[in-house]
N, C-alpha and C. Protein backbone atom coordinates (compact mmCIF):
# COMPACT_ATOMS: atom_id res chain seq x y z
N UNK A 1 1.25 -1.43 0.07
CA UNK A 1 -0.19 0.25 0.07
C UNK A 1 1.11 1.19 0.04
N UNK A 2 0.67 2.09 -0.69
CA UNK A 2 1.48 3.36 -1.07
C UNK A 2 1.27 4.68 -0.07
N UNK A 3 1.87 5.18 0.12
CA UNK A 3 1.44 6.18 1.75
C UNK A 3 0.69 7.40 0.98
N UNK A 4 0.24 8.29 1.81
CA UNK A 4 -0.02 9.47 0.91
C UNK A 4 0.93 10.34 1.22
N UNK A 5 1.04 11.07 -0.05
CA UNK A 5 1.94 12.02 -1.09
C UNK A 5 1.35 13.47 -0.78
N UNK A 6 2.25 14.51 -0.28
CA UNK A 6 1.90 15.19 -0.07
C UNK A 6 2.83 16.48 -0.78
N UNK A 7 2.64 17.50 -1.46
CA UNK A 7 3.17 18.26 -2.44
C UNK A 7 3.06 20.24 -1.97
N UNK A 8 3.76 20.65 -1.51
CA UNK A 8 4.02 21.86 -1.51
C UNK A 8 4.06 23.51 -2.26
N UNK A 9 2.44 23.95 -2.04
CA UNK A 9 2.07 24.28 -2.89
C UNK A 9 3.31 25.81 -4.33
N UNK A 10 4.61 26.05 -3.28
CA UNK A 10 5.80 26.34 -4.42
C UNK A 10 6.53 25.88 -3.78
N UNK A 11 7.98 26.03 -4.41
CA UNK A 11 9.34 25.30 -4.43
C UNK A 11 9.41 25.83 -3.55
N UNK A 12 10.79 25.63 -2.72
CA UNK A 12 11.56 25.91 -1.89
C UNK A 12 12.47 27.45 -2.65
N UNK A 13 12.38 28.63 -2.29
CA UNK A 13 12.99 29.77 -2.95
C UNK A 13 14.46 29.29 -2.95
N UNK A 14 15.03 29.85 -4.12
CA UNK A 14 16.75 29.54 -4.65
C UNK A 14 17.05 30.14 -3.52
N UNK A 15 18.61 29.94 -3.51
CA UNK A 15 19.71 30.78 -3.66
C UNK A 15 20.35 31.33 -4.12
N UNK A 16 20.18 32.82 -3.22
CA UNK A 16 20.65 34.29 -3.52
C UNK A 16 22.31 33.69 -4.66
N UNK A 17 22.43 34.45 -5.76
CA UNK A 17 23.86 34.17 -6.44
C UNK A 17 24.74 35.04 -6.07
N UNK A 18 26.28 34.58 -5.77
CA UNK A 18 27.22 35.92 -5.40
C UNK A 18 27.81 36.21 -7.13
N UNK A 19 28.54 37.33 -6.81
CA UNK A 19 29.67 37.58 -8.23
C UNK A 19 29.28 36.15 -9.03
N UNK A 20 29.40 36.57 -10.03
CA UNK A 20 30.57 35.34 -10.53
C UNK A 20 30.15 33.94 -10.85
N UNK A 21 28.68 34.25 -9.79
CA UNK A 21 28.15 32.58 -10.30
C UNK A 21 26.89 32.60 -11.17
N UNK A 22 26.29 32.08 -11.33
CA UNK A 22 25.00 31.71 -12.50
C UNK A 22 24.37 30.30 -12.67
N UNK A 23 23.24 30.55 -13.10
CA UNK A 23 22.26 29.02 -12.68
C UNK A 23 22.68 28.66 -14.43
N UNK A 24 22.77 27.09 -14.70
CA UNK A 24 22.91 26.88 -15.67
C UNK A 24 22.31 25.46 -16.34
N UNK A 25 21.73 25.44 -17.68
CA UNK A 25 20.90 24.46 -17.56
C UNK A 25 21.56 23.28 -17.87
N UNK A 26 20.76 22.02 -17.06
CA UNK A 26 22.28 20.49 -17.54
C UNK A 26 21.80 19.71 -18.56
N UNK A 27 21.28 20.66 -19.61
CA UNK A 27 20.28 19.95 -20.67
C UNK A 27 21.82 20.88 -21.53
N UNK A 28 23.35 21.79 -20.96
CA UNK A 28 24.00 22.30 -21.61
C UNK A 28 23.79 23.07 -22.86
N UNK A 29 22.42 24.35 -22.28
CA UNK A 29 21.83 25.09 -23.11
C UNK A 29 22.98 26.36 -22.85
N UNK A 30 23.37 26.65 -21.27
CA UNK A 30 24.30 27.41 -21.27
C UNK A 30 23.69 27.82 -20.04
N UNK A 31 24.05 29.20 -19.54
CA UNK A 31 22.79 30.25 -18.85
C UNK A 31 21.74 29.80 -18.86
N UNK A 32 21.12 29.97 -17.73
CA UNK A 32 19.49 29.82 -17.90
C UNK A 32 19.13 30.84 -16.79
N UNK A 33 17.41 30.50 -16.77
CA UNK A 33 16.62 31.92 -15.99
C UNK A 33 16.02 30.59 -15.32
N UNK A 34 16.00 30.80 -14.33
CA UNK A 34 14.93 30.05 -13.49
C UNK A 34 13.63 29.45 -13.86
N UNK A 35 12.71 28.82 -13.94
CA UNK A 35 11.26 28.95 -13.56
C UNK A 35 10.40 27.32 -12.95
N UNK A 36 9.73 28.08 -12.57
CA UNK A 36 9.06 27.11 -11.70
C UNK A 36 7.95 26.73 -12.88
N UNK A 37 8.37 25.28 -12.56
CA UNK A 37 7.36 24.31 -13.61
C UNK A 37 6.56 23.23 -12.69
N UNK A 38 5.50 22.64 -13.07
CA UNK A 38 5.53 21.31 -12.15
C UNK A 38 4.86 20.14 -12.86
N UNK A 39 5.76 19.17 -12.68
CA UNK A 39 6.30 18.25 -12.46
C UNK A 39 4.54 17.11 -11.67
N UNK A 40 4.65 16.24 -13.42
CA UNK A 40 3.46 15.07 -12.76
C UNK A 40 4.21 13.34 -12.73
N UNK A 41 3.72 13.90 -11.64
CA UNK A 41 4.70 12.23 -11.03
C UNK A 41 3.73 11.05 -10.71
N UNK A 42 2.64 11.27 -11.03
CA UNK A 42 1.36 10.45 -10.98
C UNK A 42 0.15 10.56 -12.14
N UNK A 43 -0.07 9.90 -12.31
CA UNK A 43 -1.58 10.20 -13.29
C UNK A 43 -2.62 8.98 -13.69
N UNK A 44 -3.78 9.19 -13.55
CA UNK A 44 -4.78 8.15 -13.56
C UNK A 44 -5.23 7.91 -15.29
N UNK A 45 -5.59 7.67 -15.78
CA UNK A 45 -6.70 7.17 -17.25
C UNK A 45 -7.75 6.28 -17.52
N UNK A 46 -8.26 6.45 -17.98
CA UNK A 46 -9.79 5.32 -17.75
C UNK A 46 -8.86 4.78 -19.18
N UNK A 47 -9.75 3.82 -19.31
CA UNK A 47 -9.66 2.65 -20.51
C UNK A 47 -9.79 3.63 -21.99
N UNK A 48 -9.85 4.71 -21.98
CA UNK A 48 -10.40 5.30 -23.31
C UNK A 48 -9.76 7.00 -23.25
N UNK A 49 -8.28 7.31 -22.40
CA UNK A 49 -7.35 7.86 -22.18
C UNK A 49 -7.63 9.24 -21.55
N UNK A 50 -9.36 9.18 -20.32
CA UNK A 50 -9.71 10.67 -20.30
C UNK A 50 -8.82 10.22 -18.69
N UNK A 51 -8.30 11.88 -18.46
CA UNK A 51 -7.94 11.59 -17.25
C UNK A 51 -9.16 11.96 -16.19
N UNK A 52 -8.23 10.62 -14.70
CA UNK A 52 -9.50 11.27 -13.99
C UNK A 52 -8.61 11.60 -12.80
N UNK A 53 -7.40 11.34 -12.81
CA UNK A 53 -5.99 12.11 -11.36
C UNK A 53 -4.86 12.52 -12.51
N UNK A 54 -4.63 13.78 -11.62
CA UNK A 54 -2.46 14.01 -12.45
C UNK A 54 -2.17 14.61 -10.92
N UNK A 55 -1.40 14.08 -9.86
CA UNK A 55 -0.13 14.45 -8.95
C UNK A 55 0.53 15.44 -9.52
N UNK A 56 0.82 16.47 -9.12
CA UNK A 56 1.84 17.49 -9.52
C UNK A 56 2.75 18.21 -7.99
N UNK A 57 4.20 18.66 -8.29
CA UNK A 57 4.20 19.35 -7.33
C UNK A 57 5.70 20.03 -8.81
N UNK A 58 5.49 21.53 -8.10
CA UNK A 58 6.69 22.93 -8.47
C UNK A 58 7.78 21.90 -7.97
N UNK A 59 8.24 22.51 -9.09
CA UNK A 59 10.06 22.46 -9.05
C UNK A 59 10.52 23.83 -9.76
N UNK A 60 11.92 23.76 -9.54
CA UNK A 60 12.21 24.62 -10.44
C UNK A 60 13.35 23.98 -11.49
N UNK A 61 13.21 24.75 -12.75
CA UNK A 61 13.93 24.17 -13.72
C UNK A 61 14.58 24.88 -14.50
N UNK A 62 14.87 24.65 -15.73
CA UNK A 62 15.59 25.64 -16.75
C UNK A 62 14.35 26.62 -17.39
N UNK A 63 14.13 27.98 -18.34
CA UNK A 63 13.32 27.99 -18.46
C UNK A 63 13.55 28.16 -19.94
N UNK A 64 14.85 27.31 -20.53
CA UNK A 64 15.36 27.23 -21.98
C UNK A 64 14.34 25.86 -22.41
N UNK A 65 14.60 25.03 -21.47
CA UNK A 65 14.04 23.44 -22.16
C UNK A 65 13.45 22.33 -20.55
N UNK A 66 13.10 23.51 -19.77
CA UNK A 66 12.89 22.28 -17.88
C UNK A 66 13.24 21.53 -18.09
N UNK A 67 15.03 21.26 -18.71
CA UNK A 67 15.71 20.48 -17.96
C UNK A 67 16.35 20.82 -16.09
N UNK A 68 16.91 20.02 -15.64
CA UNK A 68 17.92 20.37 -14.23
C UNK A 68 18.17 21.92 -13.89
N UNK A 69 18.57 22.17 -13.20
CA UNK A 69 19.97 23.39 -12.98
C UNK A 69 21.02 23.03 -12.29
N UNK A 70 22.51 23.91 -12.29
CA UNK A 70 23.31 23.77 -11.81
C UNK A 70 23.49 24.99 -11.33
N UNK A 71 24.77 25.40 -10.55
CA UNK A 71 25.18 26.98 -10.29
C UNK A 71 26.50 26.40 -10.22
N UNK A 72 26.82 27.13 -11.70
CA UNK A 72 28.52 27.32 -12.10
C UNK A 72 28.85 28.72 -11.32
N UNK A 73 30.17 28.37 -10.74
CA UNK A 73 31.00 29.75 -9.98
C UNK A 73 32.08 30.12 -10.75
N UNK A 74 31.97 31.32 -11.75
CA UNK A 74 33.15 31.25 -12.35
C UNK A 74 34.42 31.03 -11.75
N UNK A 75 34.57 31.95 -10.89
CA UNK A 75 36.08 31.89 -9.90
C UNK A 75 36.91 30.54 -9.19
N UNK A 76 36.01 30.17 -9.12
CA UNK A 76 36.33 28.46 -8.45
C UNK A 76 36.29 27.28 -9.38
N UNK A 77 35.66 27.58 -10.43
CA UNK A 77 34.87 26.14 -11.31
C UNK A 77 33.76 25.53 -11.08
N UNK A 78 33.16 25.46 -9.87
CA UNK A 78 32.86 24.22 -9.26
C UNK A 78 31.43 24.53 -10.09
N UNK A 79 30.66 23.26 -9.85
CA UNK A 79 29.40 23.10 -10.24
C UNK A 79 29.05 22.25 -9.35
N UNK A 80 27.48 22.91 -8.78
CA UNK A 80 26.44 22.25 -7.69
C UNK A 80 25.61 22.05 -8.22
N UNK A 81 24.54 20.58 -8.12
CA UNK A 81 23.51 20.77 -8.62
C UNK A 81 22.30 21.66 -7.91
N UNK A 82 21.51 21.60 -8.47
CA UNK A 82 20.40 22.57 -7.99
C UNK A 82 19.65 21.04 -6.60
N UNK A 83 19.95 20.28 -6.97
CA UNK A 83 19.13 19.35 -5.67
C UNK A 83 20.27 19.40 -4.14
N UNK A 84 21.84 19.95 -4.82
CA UNK A 84 22.29 20.24 -3.45
C UNK A 84 21.72 21.50 -2.76
N UNK A 85 21.48 22.36 -3.15
CA UNK A 85 21.29 23.61 -3.10
C UNK A 85 19.56 23.85 -2.34
N UNK A 86 18.59 23.29 -2.97
CA UNK A 86 17.10 23.31 -2.51
C UNK A 86 16.88 21.56 -2.22
N UNK A 87 16.48 22.26 -1.30
CA UNK A 87 14.79 21.07 -0.73
C UNK A 87 13.63 20.74 -1.42
N UNK A 88 14.07 20.15 -2.43
CA UNK A 88 12.92 19.48 -3.26
C UNK A 88 12.86 18.02 -3.70
N UNK A 89 11.58 17.44 -3.80
CA UNK A 89 11.82 16.34 -4.21
C UNK A 89 11.91 16.42 -5.84
N UNK A 90 13.61 15.09 -5.90
CA UNK A 90 13.72 14.30 -7.23
C UNK A 90 12.87 13.39 -7.76
N UNK A 91 12.87 13.81 -9.17
CA UNK A 91 12.00 13.24 -9.89
C UNK A 91 12.02 11.65 -9.59
N UNK A 92 13.23 10.91 -9.50
CA UNK A 92 13.09 9.56 -8.72
C UNK A 92 12.77 9.63 -7.67
N UNK A 93 12.86 10.08 -6.70
CA UNK A 93 12.14 10.17 -5.64
C UNK A 93 10.61 10.41 -5.34
N UNK A 94 10.09 10.95 -6.20
CA UNK A 94 8.23 11.12 -6.59
C UNK A 94 7.98 9.77 -6.87
N UNK A 95 8.63 9.51 -8.15
CA UNK A 95 8.34 8.46 -8.63
C UNK A 95 8.14 7.12 -7.92
N UNK A 96 9.02 7.36 -7.21
CA UNK A 96 9.51 6.26 -6.19
C UNK A 96 8.21 6.10 -5.22
N UNK A 97 7.92 7.04 -5.15
CA UNK A 97 6.66 7.49 -3.95
C UNK A 97 5.24 6.84 -4.09
N UNK A 98 5.38 6.62 -5.94
CA UNK A 98 3.37 6.11 -6.66
C UNK A 98 4.09 4.70 -6.70
N UNK A 99 5.21 4.00 -6.66
CA UNK A 99 5.48 2.48 -7.37
C UNK A 99 4.57 1.96 -5.82
N UNK A 100 3.77 1.00 -6.22
CA UNK A 100 3.35 -0.21 -5.45
C UNK A 100 4.72 -1.04 -4.46
N UNK A 101 4.01 -2.26 -4.13
CA UNK A 101 5.53 -2.79 -3.38
C UNK A 101 5.63 -3.42 -4.24
N UNK A 102 5.16 -3.98 -5.38
CA UNK A 102 5.94 -4.80 -5.63
C UNK A 102 6.78 -4.34 -6.98
N UNK A 103 6.99 -2.89 -6.84
CA UNK A 103 7.77 -2.01 -8.33
C UNK A 103 7.04 -1.38 -9.28
N UNK A 104 5.38 -1.78 -8.96
CA UNK A 104 4.50 -1.10 -10.31
C UNK A 104 4.27 0.10 -10.33
N UNK A 105 4.45 1.42 -11.34
CA UNK A 105 4.72 2.48 -10.90
C UNK A 105 2.91 2.67 -11.04
N UNK A 106 2.25 2.67 -10.18
CA UNK A 106 0.33 3.81 -10.25
C UNK A 106 0.46 4.18 -10.91
């Protein structure tokens, strides 16, 4: 039996960037503007394809192609994944939360 899932109405705020730091797209688009997108982690349809239920949660993504973000620091060359900076559920965590005990996604 799956556990109930609660998702926030808004994602955690992004940390402020220092001079020489920028948000970048994980798909290689370069510098990116962060935006909030709704990630659908569960969807139920009837046999005709009509939507019965959709579970989403807001996450930060790149505005260019909705990919994950990372912070790049020009001074140090350090790359830090957004998931290490902001507490938001990863896509894998959300998908795992809706799997039944037999590993079948609902």
